[in-house]
Amino acid sequence: MRISMHQDQFVILNSKNERVIENSIRAQYHSDLLESIDIPFDAKIQIHIGGIYHNKSFAKERSIKIFTNLDENLKNRIVIENDDRLYTLKDCLEINKQTDPNYIRYISS
């Protein structure tokens, strides 16, 4: 059996609102739950990149910056998903290149 988690639309790591980012990072509890029951790191937490906020390049850079400051165990579990609206698979690959590829893995929706 495979276990994974898909965050809702309120998990937005690149939000312009710091409170939204703080609340999104609290999604750490999903990682903590998986670890507490000894689920290996192949159990992933799927998220979307977030908004564009009138500047897609800046929004992607913000995603990368926020990601690099996350807890190591959470980084090991996160996968990003293109949303076919704002961020394409190509965008996900670009973000992946600029982060440690051992952490973020892209998946298509």
PDB file of N, CA and C in Angstrom:
ATOM      1  N   MET A   1       0.841  -1.155   0.000  1.00  0.00           N
ATOM      2  CA  MET A   1       0.000   0.000   0.000  1.00  0.00           C
ATOM      3  C   MET A   1       0.902   1.238   0.000  1.00  0.00           C
ATOM      4  N   ARG A   2       0.519   2.213  -0.804  1.00  0.00           N
ATOM      5  CA  ARG A   2       1.267   3.465  -0.885  1.00  0.00           C
ATOM      6  C   ARG A   2       0.514   4.547  -0.113  1.00  0.00           C
ATOM      7  N   ILE A   3       1.245   5.324   0.641  1.00  0.00           N
ATOM      8  CA  ILE A   3       0.637   6.432   1.381  1.00  0.00           C
ATOM      9  C   ILE A   3       1.227   7.735   0.862  1.00  0.00           C
ATOM     10  N   SER A   4       0.357   8.674   0.576  1.00  0.00           N
ATOM     11  CA  SER A   4       0.801  10.016   0.208  1.00  0.00           C
ATOM     12  C   SER A   4      -0.268  10.998   0.654  1.00  0.00           C
ATOM     13  N   MET A   5       0.079  12.259   0.627  1.00  0.00           N
ATOM     14  CA  MET A   5      -0.852  13.298   1.052  1.00  0.00           C
ATOM     15  C   MET A   5      -0.853  14.409   0.019  1.00  0.00           C
ATOM     16  N   HIS A   6      -2.018  14.969  -0.224  1.00  0.00           N
ATOM     17  CA  HIS A   6      -2.148  16.064  -1.180  1.00  0.00           C
ATOM     18  C   HIS A   6      -2.717  17.255  -0.434  1.00  0.00           C
ATOM     19  N   GLN A   7      -1.927  18.305  -0.336  1.00  0.00           N
ATOM     20  CA  GLN A   7      -2.350  19.505   0.395  1.00  0.00           C
ATOM     21  C   GLN A   7      -3.449  20.243  -0.357  1.00  0.00           C
ATOM     22  N   ASP A   8      -4.268  20.957   0.373  1.00  0.00           N
ATOM     23  CA  ASP A   8      -5.342  21.710  -0.263  1.00  0.00           C
ATOM     24  C   ASP A   8      -4.820  23.026  -0.842  1.00  0.00           C
ATOM     25  N   GLN A   9      -5.716  23.794  -1.416  1.00  0.00           N
ATOM     26  CA  GLN A   9      -5.338  25.024  -2.106  1.00  0.00           C
ATOM     27  C   GLN A   9      -4.886  26.123  -1.155  1.00  0.00           C
ATOM     28  N   PHE A  10      -4.991  25.907   0.148  1.00  0.00           N
ATOM     29  CA  PHE A  10      -4.586  26.930   1.109  1.00  0.00           C
ATOM     30  C   PHE A  10      -3.121  26.817   1.504  1.00  0.00           C
ATOM     31  N   VAL A  11      -2.438  25.770   1.055  1.00  0.00           N
ATOM     32  CA  VAL A  11      -1.001  25.635   1.289  1.00  0.00           C
ATOM     33  C   VAL A  11      -0.303  26.320   0.129  1.00  0.00           C
ATOM     34  N   ILE A  12       0.213  27.515   0.407  1.00  0.00           N
ATOM     35  CA  ILE A  12       0.813  28.355  -0.629  1.00  0.00           C
ATOM     36  C   ILE A  12       2.154  28.871  -0.107  1.00  0.00           C
ATOM     37  N   LEU A  13       3.216  28.173  -0.437  1.00  0.00           N
ATOM     38  CA  LEU A  13       4.530  28.549   0.086  1.00  0.00           C
ATOM     39  C   LEU A  13       5.048  29.861  -0.492  1.00  0.00           C
ATOM     40  N   ASN A  14       4.575  30.262  -1.647  1.00  0.00           N
ATOM     41  CA  ASN A  14       5.104  31.494  -2.242  1.00  0.00           C
ATOM     42  C   ASN A  14       4.147  32.673  -2.089  1.00  0.00           C
ATOM     43  N   SER A  15       3.222  32.593  -1.160  1.00  0.00           N
ATOM     44  CA  SER A  15       2.254  33.670  -0.950  1.00  0.00           C
ATOM     45  C   SER A  15       2.957  34.992  -0.619  1.00  0.00           C
ATOM     46  N   LYS A  16       2.311  36.077  -0.964  1.00  0.00           N
ATOM     47  CA  LYS A  16       2.833  37.395  -0.577  1.00  0.00           C
ATOM     48  C   LYS A  16       2.464  37.712   0.869  1.00  0.00           C
ATOM     49  N   ASN A  17       1.577  36.927   1.444  1.00  0.00           N
ATOM     50  CA  ASN A  17       1.126  37.117   2.813  1.00  0.00           C
ATOM     51  C   ASN A  17       1.924  36.191   3.737  1.00  0.00           C
ATOM     52  N   GLU A  18       2.715  36.786   4.633  1.00  0.00           N
ATOM     53  CA  GLU A  18       3.579  35.993   5.516  1.00  0.00           C
ATOM     54  C   GLU A  18       2.779  35.031   6.399  1.00  0.00           C
ATOM     55  N   ARG A  19       1.596  35.432   6.798  1.00  0.00           N
ATOM     56  CA  ARG A  19       0.762  34.556   7.645  1.00  0.00           C
ATOM     57  C   ARG A  19       0.342  33.300   6.879  1.00  0.00           C
ATOM     58  N   VAL A  20       0.053  33.454   5.593  1.00  0.00           N
ATOM     59  CA  VAL A  20      -0.301  32.290   4.768  1.00  0.00           C
ATOM     60  C   VAL A  20       0.899  31.353   4.671  1.00  0.00           C
ATOM     61  N   ILE A  21       2.088  31.917   4.517  1.00  0.00           N
ATOM     62  CA  ILE A  21       3.301  31.085   4.459  1.00  0.00           C
ATOM     63  C   ILE A  21       3.485  30.339   5.778  1.00  0.00           C
ATOM     64  N   GLU A  22       3.354  31.053   6.896  1.00  0.00           N
ATOM     65  CA  GLU A  22       3.491  30.415   8.208  1.00  0.00           C
ATOM     66  C   GLU A  22       2.486  29.276   8.367  1.00  0.00           C
ATOM     67  N   ASN A  23       1.248  29.524   7.991  1.00  0.00           N
ATOM     68  CA  ASN A  23       0.228  28.479   8.089  1.00  0.00           C
ATOM     69  C   ASN A  23       0.522  27.319   7.153  1.00  0.00           C
ATOM     70  N   SER A  24       1.070  27.611   5.986  1.00  0.00           N
ATOM     71  CA  SER A  24       1.420  26.558   5.026  1.00  0.00           C
ATOM     72  C   SER A  24       2.549  25.690   5.565  1.00  0.00           C
ATOM     73  N   ILE A  25       3.510  26.319   6.198  1.00  0.00           N
ATOM     74  CA  ILE A  25       4.636  25.561   6.762  1.00  0.00           C
ATOM     75  C   ILE A  25       4.154  24.676   7.901  1.00  0.00           C
ATOM     76  N   ARG A  26       3.082  25.067   8.548  1.00  0.00           N
ATOM     77  CA  ARG A  26       2.528  24.223   9.617  1.00  0.00           C
ATOM     78  C   ARG A  26       2.041  22.886   9.061  1.00  0.00           C
ATOM     79  N   ALA A  27       1.946  22.798   7.763  1.00  0.00           N
ATOM     80  CA  ALA A  27       1.597  21.518   7.155  1.00  0.00           C
ATOM     81  C   ALA A  27       2.676  20.484   7.454  1.00  0.00           C
ATOM     82  N   GLN A  28       3.721  20.923   8.129  1.00  0.00           N
ATOM     83  CA  GLN A  28       4.784  20.047   8.610  1.00  0.00           C
ATOM     84  C   GLN A  28       4.201  18.863   9.379  1.00  0.00           C
ATOM     85  N   TYR A  29       3.061  19.078  10.013  1.00  0.00           N
ATOM     86  CA  TYR A  29       2.485  17.996  10.818  1.00  0.00           C
ATOM     87  C   TYR A  29       2.214  16.756   9.973  1.00  0.00           C
ATOM     88  N   HIS A  30       1.987  16.908   8.674  1.00  0.00           N
ATOM     89  CA  HIS A  30       1.809  15.734   7.823  1.00  0.00           C
ATOM     90  C   HIS A  30       3.101  14.918   7.777  1.00  0.00           C
ATOM     91  N   SER A  31       4.212  15.621   7.652  1.00  0.00           N
ATOM     92  CA  SER A  31       5.508  14.947   7.653  1.00  0.00           C
ATOM     93  C   SER A  31       5.758  14.275   9.005  1.00  0.00           C
ATOM     94  N   ASP A  32       5.446  15.008  10.076  1.00  0.00           N
ATOM     95  CA  ASP A  32       5.634  14.452  11.420  1.00  0.00           C
ATOM     96  C   ASP A  32       4.790  13.197  11.622  1.00  0.00           C
ATOM     97  N   LEU A  33       3.564  13.216  11.109  1.00  0.00           N
ATOM     98  CA  LEU A  33       2.689  12.053  11.232  1.00  0.00           C
ATOM     99  C   LEU A  33       3.292  10.849  10.511  1.00  0.00           C
ATOM    100  N   LEU A  34       3.746  11.066   9.279  1.00  0.00           N
ATOM    101  CA  LEU A  34       4.336   9.961   8.518  1.00  0.00           C
ATOM    102  C   LEU A  34       5.566   9.404   9.227  1.00  0.00           C
ATOM    103  N   GLU A  35       6.371  10.284   9.797  1.00  0.00           N
ATOM    104  CA  GLU A  35       7.561   9.822  10.512  1.00  0.00           C
ATOM    105  C   GLU A  35       7.203   9.092  11.804  1.00  0.00           C
ATOM    106  N   SER A  36       6.163   9.556  12.483  1.00  0.00           N
ATOM    107  CA  SER A  36       5.792   8.940  13.759  1.00  0.00           C
ATOM    108  C   SER A  36       5.338   7.492  13.599  1.00  0.00           C
ATOM    109  N   ILE A  37       4.869   7.147  12.409  1.00  0.00           N
ATOM    110  CA  ILE A  37       4.462   5.754  12.174  1.00  0.00           C
ATOM    111  C   ILE A  37       5.464   5.030  11.264  1.00  0.00           C
ATOM    112  N   ASP A  38       6.684   5.594  11.226  1.00  0.00           N
ATOM    113  CA  ASP A  38       7.812   4.976  10.509  1.00  0.00           C
ATOM    114  C   ASP A  38       7.539   4.702   9.038  1.00  0.00           C
ATOM    115  N   ILE A  39       6.859   5.640   8.392  1.00  0.00           N
ATOM    116  CA  ILE A  39       6.632   5.525   6.954  1.00  0.00           C
ATOM    117  C   ILE A  39       7.878   6.066   6.250  1.00  0.00           C
ATOM    118  N   PRO A  40       8.480   5.323   5.334  1.00  0.00           N
ATOM    119  CA  PRO A  40       9.694   5.788   4.663  1.00  0.00           C
ATOM    120  C   PRO A  40       9.448   7.052   3.827  1.00  0.00           C
ATOM    121  N   PHE A  41      10.543   7.656   3.400  1.00  0.00           N
ATOM    122  CA  PHE A  41      10.466   8.926   2.671  1.00  0.00           C
ATOM    123  C   PHE A  41       9.882   8.797   1.268  1.00  0.00           C
ATOM    124  N   ASP A  42       9.560   7.591   0.833  1.00  0.00           N
ATOM    125  CA  ASP A  42       8.880   7.503  -0.462  1.00  0.00           C
ATOM    126  C   ASP A  42       7.403   7.871  -0.334  1.00  0.00           C
ATOM    127  N   ALA A  43       6.910   8.061   0.876  1.00  0.00           N
ATOM    128  CA  ALA A  43       5.568   8.612   1.096  1.00  0.00           C
ATOM    129  C   ALA A  43       5.694  10.128   0.968  1.00  0.00           C
ATOM    130  N   LYS A  44       5.000  10.700   0.012  1.00  0.00           N
ATOM    131  CA  LYS A  44       5.196  12.102  -0.343  1.00  0.00           C
ATOM    132  C   LYS A  44       4.022  12.990   0.053  1.00  0.00           C
ATOM    133  N   ILE A  45       4.322  14.271   0.132  1.00  0.00           N
ATOM    134  CA  ILE A  45       3.328  15.308   0.374  1.00  0.00           C
ATOM    135  C   ILE A  45       3.319  16.183  -0.869  1.00  0.00           C
ATOM    136  N   GLN A  46       2.240  16.146  -1.570  1.00  0.00           N
ATOM    137  CA  GLN A  46       2.122  16.829  -2.861  1.00  0.00           C
ATOM    138  C   GLN A  46       1.563  18.240  -2.664  1.00  0.00           C
ATOM    139  N   ILE A  47       2.227  19.225  -3.288  1.00  0.00           N
ATOM    140  CA  ILE A  47       1.758  20.609  -3.218  1.00  0.00           C
ATOM    141  C   ILE A  47       1.814  21.236  -4.611  1.00  0.00           C
ATOM    142  N   HIS A  48       1.061  22.307  -4.783  1.00  0.00           N
ATOM    143  CA  HIS A  48       1.182  23.142  -5.975  1.00  0.00           C
ATOM    144  C   HIS A  48       2.163  24.258  -5.651  1.00  0.00           C
ATOM    145  N   ILE A  49       2.697  24.889  -6.677  1.00  0.00           N
ATOM    146  CA  ILE A  49       3.689  25.938  -6.455  1.00  0.00           C
ATOM    147  C   ILE A  49       3.063  27.154  -5.789  1.00  0.00           C
ATOM    148  N   GLY A  50       1.905  27.565  -6.242  1.00  0.00           N
ATOM    149  CA  GLY A  50       1.227  28.719  -5.638  1.00  0.00           C
ATOM    150  C   GLY A  50       0.791  29.704  -6.692  1.00  0.00           C
ATOM    151  N   GLY A  51       0.743  30.966  -6.308  1.00  0.00           N
ATOM    152  CA  GLY A  51       0.277  32.012  -7.207  1.00  0.00           C
ATOM    153  C   GLY A  51       1.392  32.598  -8.052  1.00  0.00           C
ATOM    154  N   ILE A  52       0.999  33.443  -9.000  1.00  0.00           N
ATOM    155  CA  ILE A  52       1.960  34.141  -9.859  1.00  0.00           C
ATOM    156  C   ILE A  52       2.183  35.568  -9.360  1.00  0.00           C
ATOM    157  N   TYR A  53       1.134  36.199  -8.861  1.00  0.00           N
ATOM    158  CA  TYR A  53       1.211  37.541  -8.281  1.00  0.00           C
ATOM    159  C   TYR A  53       1.799  38.569  -9.237  1.00  0.00           C
ATOM    160  N   HIS A  54       1.390  38.530 -10.486  1.00  0.00           N
ATOM    161  CA  HIS A  54       1.778  39.483 -11.536  1.00  0.00           C
ATOM    162  C   HIS A  54       3.262  39.434 -11.905  1.00  0.00           C
ATOM    163  N   ASN A  55       4.004  38.456 -11.389  1.00  0.00           N
ATOM    164  CA  ASN A  55       5.421  38.331 -11.721  1.00  0.00           C
ATOM    165  C   ASN A  55       5.831  36.880 -11.495  1.00  0.00           C
ATOM    166  N   LYS A  56       5.681  36.077 -12.518  1.00  0.00           N
ATOM    167  CA  LYS A  56       5.918  34.635 -12.402  1.00  0.00           C
ATOM    168  C   LYS A  56       7.358  34.314 -11.995  1.00  0.00           C
ATOM    169  N   SER A  57       8.318  35.034 -12.556  1.00  0.00           N
ATOM    170  CA  SER A  57       9.726  34.767 -12.214  1.00  0.00           C
ATOM    171  C   SER A  57       9.978  35.002 -10.728  1.00  0.00           C
ATOM    172  N   PHE A  58       9.467  36.128 -10.222  1.00  0.00           N
ATOM    173  CA  PHE A  58       9.638  36.432  -8.800  1.00  0.00           C
ATOM    174  C   PHE A  58       8.929  35.388  -7.941  1.00  0.00           C
ATOM    175  N   ALA A  59       7.737  34.972  -8.354  1.00  0.00           N
ATOM    176  CA  ALA A  59       6.972  33.975  -7.596  1.00  0.00           C
ATOM    177  C   ALA A  59       7.720  32.642  -7.545  1.00  0.00           C
ATOM    178  N   LYS A  60       8.344  32.253  -8.642  1.00  0.00           N
ATOM    179  CA  LYS A  60       9.125  31.007  -8.644  1.00  0.00           C
ATOM    180  C   LYS A  60      10.335  31.141  -7.725  1.00  0.00           C
ATOM    181  N   GLU A  61      11.015  32.282  -7.782  1.00  0.00           N
ATOM    182  CA  GLU A  61      12.162  32.515  -6.900  1.00  0.00           C
ATOM    183  C   GLU A  61      11.738  32.472  -5.433  1.00  0.00           C
ATOM    184  N   ARG A  62      10.589  33.045  -5.138  1.00  0.00           N
ATOM    185  CA  ARG A  62      10.080  33.030  -3.762  1.00  0.00           C
ATOM    186  C   ARG A  62       9.803  31.600  -3.311  1.00  0.00           C
ATOM    187  N   SER A  63       9.240  30.781  -4.180  1.00  0.00           N
ATOM    188  CA  SER A  63       8.989  29.376  -3.851  1.00  0.00           C
ATOM    189  C   SER A  63      10.288  28.674  -3.478  1.00  0.00           C
ATOM    190  N   ILE A  64      11.309  28.911  -4.264  1.00  0.00           N
ATOM    191  CA  ILE A  64      12.612  28.281  -4.028  1.00  0.00           C
ATOM    192  C   ILE A  64      13.194  28.759  -2.702  1.00  0.00           C
ATOM    193  N   LYS A  65      13.113  30.051  -2.444  1.00  0.00           N
ATOM    194  CA  LYS A  65      13.649  30.619  -1.197  1.00  0.00           C
ATOM    195  C   LYS A  65      12.951  30.020   0.022  1.00  0.00           C
ATOM    196  N   ILE A  66      11.633  29.967  -0.020  1.00  0.00           N
ATOM    197  CA  ILE A  66      10.876  29.416   1.108  1.00  0.00           C
ATOM    198  C   ILE A  66      11.207  27.937   1.281  1.00  0.00           C
ATOM    199  N   PHE A  67      11.257  27.211   0.182  1.00  0.00           N
ATOM    200  CA  PHE A  67      11.544  25.780   0.249  1.00  0.00           C
ATOM    201  C   PHE A  67      12.888  25.507   0.911  1.00  0.00           C
ATOM    202  N   THR A  68      13.903  26.288   0.567  1.00  0.00           N
ATOM    203  CA  THR A  68      15.234  26.016   1.107  1.00  0.00           C
ATOM    204  C   THR A  68      15.305  26.201   2.618  1.00  0.00           C
ATOM    205  N   ASN A  69      14.339  26.906   3.198  1.00  0.00           N
ATOM    206  CA  ASN A  69      14.334  27.123   4.647  1.00  0.00           C
ATOM    207  C   ASN A  69      13.446  26.137   5.408  1.00  0.00           C
ATOM    208  N   LEU A  70      12.853  25.186   4.719  1.00  0.00           N
ATOM    209  CA  LEU A  70      11.987  24.210   5.383  1.00  0.00           C
ATOM    210  C   LEU A  70      12.810  23.176   6.146  1.00  0.00           C
ATOM    211  N   ASP A  71      12.159  22.504   7.051  1.00  0.00           N
ATOM    212  CA  ASP A  71      12.739  21.391   7.789  1.00  0.00           C
ATOM    213  C   ASP A  71      13.209  20.308   6.808  1.00  0.00           C
ATOM    214  N   GLU A  72      14.337  19.709   7.094  1.00  0.00           N
ATOM    215  CA  GLU A  72      14.922  18.703   6.188  1.00  0.00           C
ATOM    216  C   GLU A  72      13.976  17.525   5.933  1.00  0.00           C
ATOM    217  N   ASN A  73      13.296  17.057   6.957  1.00  0.00           N
ATOM    218  CA  ASN A  73      12.389  15.921   6.766  1.00  0.00           C
ATOM    219  C   ASN A  73      11.224  16.298   5.865  1.00  0.00           C
ATOM    220  N   LEU A  74      10.729  17.517   6.009  1.00  0.00           N
ATOM    221  CA  LEU A  74       9.645  17.965   5.144  1.00  0.00           C
ATOM    222  C   LEU A  74      10.132  18.087   3.701  1.00  0.00           C
ATOM    223  N   LYS A  75      11.341  18.605   3.515  1.00  0.00           N
ATOM    224  CA  LYS A  75      11.903  18.695   2.158  1.00  0.00           C
ATOM    225  C   LYS A  75      11.967  17.323   1.499  1.00  0.00           C
ATOM    226  N   ASN A  76      12.290  16.320   2.283  1.00  0.00           N
ATOM    227  CA  ASN A  76      12.394  14.966   1.740  1.00  0.00           C
ATOM    228  C   ASN A  76      11.054  14.394   1.296  1.00  0.00           C
ATOM    229  N   ARG A  77       9.980  14.992   1.736  1.00  0.00           N
ATOM    230  CA  ARG A  77       8.654  14.452   1.426  1.00  0.00           C
ATOM    231  C   ARG A  77       7.902  15.243   0.358  1.00  0.00           C
ATOM    232  N   ILE A  78       8.266  16.490   0.139  1.00  0.00           N
ATOM    233  CA  ILE A  78       7.507  17.344  -0.773  1.00  0.00           C
ATOM    234  C   ILE A  78       7.748  16.979  -2.234  1.00  0.00           C
ATOM    235  N   VAL A  79       6.673  16.935  -2.978  1.00  0.00           N
ATOM    236  CA  VAL A  79       6.725  16.891  -4.438  1.00  0.00           C
ATOM    237  C   VAL A  79       5.852  18.029  -4.938  1.00  0.00           C
ATOM    238  N   ILE A  80       6.244  18.627  -6.053  1.00  0.00           N
ATOM    239  CA  ILE A  80       5.444  19.718  -6.609  1.00  0.00           C
ATOM    240  C   ILE A  80       4.683  19.227  -7.825  1.00  0.00           C
ATOM    241  N   GLU A  81       3.526  19.813  -8.002  1.00  0.00           N
ATOM    242  CA  GLU A  81       2.637  19.408  -9.091  1.00  0.00           C
ATOM    243  C   GLU A  81       2.304  20.628  -9.946  1.00  0.00           C
ATOM    244  N   ASN A  82       2.415  20.473 -11.251  1.00  0.00           N
ATOM    245  CA  ASN A  82       1.955  21.549 -12.117  1.00  0.00           C
ATOM    246  C   ASN A  82       0.438  21.598 -12.048  1.00  0.00           C
ATOM    247  N   ASP A  83      -0.091  22.790 -12.253  1.00  0.00           N
ATOM    248  CA  ASP A  83      -1.541  22.929 -12.113  1.00  0.00           C
ATOM    249  C   ASP A  83      -2.246  23.130 -13.449  1.00  0.00           C
ATOM    250  N   ASP A  84      -1.521  23.071 -14.548  1.00  0.00           N
ATOM    251  CA  ASP A  84      -2.091  23.229 -15.894  1.00  0.00           C
ATOM    252  C   ASP A  84      -2.779  24.573 -16.100  1.00  0.00           C
ATOM    253  N   ARG A  85      -2.563  25.511 -15.190  1.00  0.00           N
ATOM    254  CA  ARG A  85      -3.164  26.824 -15.320  1.00  0.00           C
ATOM    255  C   ARG A  85      -2.101  27.909 -15.144  1.00  0.00           C
ATOM    256  N   LEU A  86      -1.437  27.893 -14.018  1.00  0.00           N
ATOM    257  CA  LEU A  86      -0.437  28.920 -13.733  1.00  0.00           C
ATOM    258  C   LEU A  86       0.984  28.416 -13.959  1.00  0.00           C
ATOM    259  N   TYR A  87       1.243  27.192 -13.528  1.00  0.00           N
ATOM    260  CA  TYR A  87       2.583  26.626 -13.628  1.00  0.00           C
ATOM    261  C   TYR A  87       2.557  25.354 -14.458  1.00  0.00           C
ATOM    262  N   THR A  88       3.388  25.342 -15.465  1.00  0.00           N
ATOM    263  CA  THR A  88       3.474  24.198 -16.366  1.00  0.00           C
ATOM    264  C   THR A  88       4.473  23.181 -15.819  1.00  0.00           C
ATOM    265  N   LEU A  89       4.533  22.064 -16.477  1.00  0.00           N
ATOM    266  CA  LEU A  89       5.539  21.072 -16.126  1.00  0.00           C
ATOM    267  C   LEU A  89       6.931  21.665 -16.303  1.00  0.00           C
ATOM    268  N   LYS A  90       7.117  22.484 -17.341  1.00  0.00           N
ATOM    269  CA  LYS A  90       8.411  23.139 -17.561  1.00  0.00           C
ATOM    270  C   LYS A  90       8.776  24.026 -16.366  1.00  0.00           C
ATOM    271  N   ASP A  91       7.806  24.760 -15.830  1.00  0.00           N
ATOM    272  CA  ASP A  91       8.059  25.577 -14.645  1.00  0.00           C
ATOM    273  C   ASP A  91       8.521  24.712 -13.471  1.00  0.00           C
ATOM    274  N   CYS A  92       7.847  23.583 -13.289  1.00  0.00           N
ATOM    275  CA  CYS A  92       8.222  22.679 -12.198  1.00  0.00           C
ATOM    276  C   CYS A  92       9.647  22.164 -12.372  1.00  0.00           C
ATOM    277  N   LEU A  93      10.012  21.851 -13.606  1.00  0.00           N
ATOM    278  CA  LEU A  93      11.378  21.387 -13.868  1.00  0.00           C
ATOM    279  C   LEU A  93      12.399  22.478 -13.587  1.00  0.00           C
ATOM    280  N   GLU A  94      12.069  23.721 -13.938  1.00  0.00           N
ATOM    281  CA  GLU A  94      12.978  24.842 -13.661  1.00  0.00           C
ATOM    282  C   GLU A  94      13.167  25.026 -12.158  1.00  0.00           C
ATOM    283  N   ILE A  95      12.086  24.934 -11.412  1.00  0.00           N
ATOM    284  CA  ILE A  95      12.198  25.049  -9.955  1.00  0.00           C
ATOM    285  C   ILE A  95      13.024  23.894  -9.403  1.00  0.00           C
ATOM    286  N   ASN A  96      12.791  22.717  -9.935  1.00  0.00           N
ATOM    287  CA  ASN A  96      13.546  21.547  -9.493  1.00  0.00           C
ATOM    288  C   ASN A  96      15.051  21.732  -9.711  1.00  0.00           C
ATOM    289  N   LYS A  97      15.425  22.308 -10.849  1.00  0.00           N
ATOM    290  CA  LYS A  97      16.841  22.527 -11.154  1.00  0.00           C
ATOM    291  C   LYS A  97      17.506  23.456 -10.151  1.00  0.00           C
ATOM    292  N   GLN A  98      16.735  24.404  -9.628  1.00  0.00           N
ATOM    293  CA  GLN A  98      17.309  25.408  -8.732  1.00  0.00           C
ATOM    294  C   GLN A  98      17.248  25.007  -7.257  1.00  0.00           C
ATOM    295  N   THR A  99      16.695  23.849  -6.987  1.00  0.00           N
ATOM    296  CA  THR A  99      16.695  23.319  -5.630  1.00  0.00           C
ATOM    297  C   THR A  99      17.461  22.019  -5.652  1.00  0.00           C
ATOM    298  N   ASP A 100      17.674  21.460  -4.516  1.00  0.00           N
ATOM    299  CA  ASP A 100      18.369  20.187  -4.457  1.00  0.00           C
ATOM    300  C   ASP A 100      17.480  19.117  -5.075  1.00  0.00           C
ATOM    301  N   PRO A 101      17.861  18.553  -6.208  1.00  0.00           N
ATOM    302  CA  PRO A 101      17.008  17.563  -6.867  1.00  0.00           C
ATOM    303  C   PRO A 101      16.749  16.318  -6.024  1.00  0.00           C
ATOM    304  N   ASN A 102      17.521  16.171  -4.945  1.00  0.00           N
ATOM    305  CA  ASN A 102      17.242  15.050  -4.049  1.00  0.00           C
ATOM    306  C   ASN A 102      15.982  15.284  -3.218  1.00  0.00           C
ATOM    307  N   TYR A 103      15.524  16.533  -3.201  1.00  0.00           N
ATOM    308  CA  TYR A 103      14.340  16.860  -2.423  1.00  0.00           C
ATOM    309  C   TYR A 103      13.114  16.969  -3.317  1.00  0.00           C
ATOM    310  N   ILE A 104      12.977  18.094  -4.021  1.00  0.00           N
ATOM    311  CA  ILE A 104      11.765  18.306  -4.810  1.00  0.00           C
ATOM    312  C   ILE A 104      11.780  17.398  -6.028  1.00  0.00           C
ATOM    313  N   ARG A 105      10.684  16.761  -6.229  1.00  0.00           N
ATOM    314  CA  ARG A 105      10.485  15.965  -7.431  1.00  0.00           C
ATOM    315  C   ARG A 105       9.214  16.497  -8.080  1.00  0.00           C
ATOM    316  N   TYR A 106       9.233  16.663  -9.374  1.00  0.00           N
ATOM    317  CA  TYR A 106       8.064  17.194 -10.067  1.00  0.00           C
ATOM    318  C   TYR A 106       7.144  16.052 -10.442  1.00  0.00           C
ATOM    319  N   ILE A 107       5.888  16.327 -10.481  1.00  0.00           N
ATOM    320  CA  ILE A 107       4.915  15.370 -11.003  1.00  0.00           C
ATOM    321  C   ILE A 107       3.880  16.149 -11.776  1.00  0.00           C
ATOM    322  N   SER A 108       3.332  15.546 -12.730  1.00  0.00           N
ATOM    323  CA  SER A 108       2.332  16.236 -13.537  1.00  0.00           C
ATOM    324  C   SER A 108       0.949  15.887 -13.018  1.00  0.00           C
ATOM    325  N   SER A 109       0.033  16.807 -13.156  1.00  0.00           N
ATOM    326  CA  SER A 109      -1.332  16.559 -12.663  1.00  0.00           C
ATOM    327  C   SER A 109      -2.161  15.819 -13.688  1.00  0.00           C
TER     328      SER A 109
END
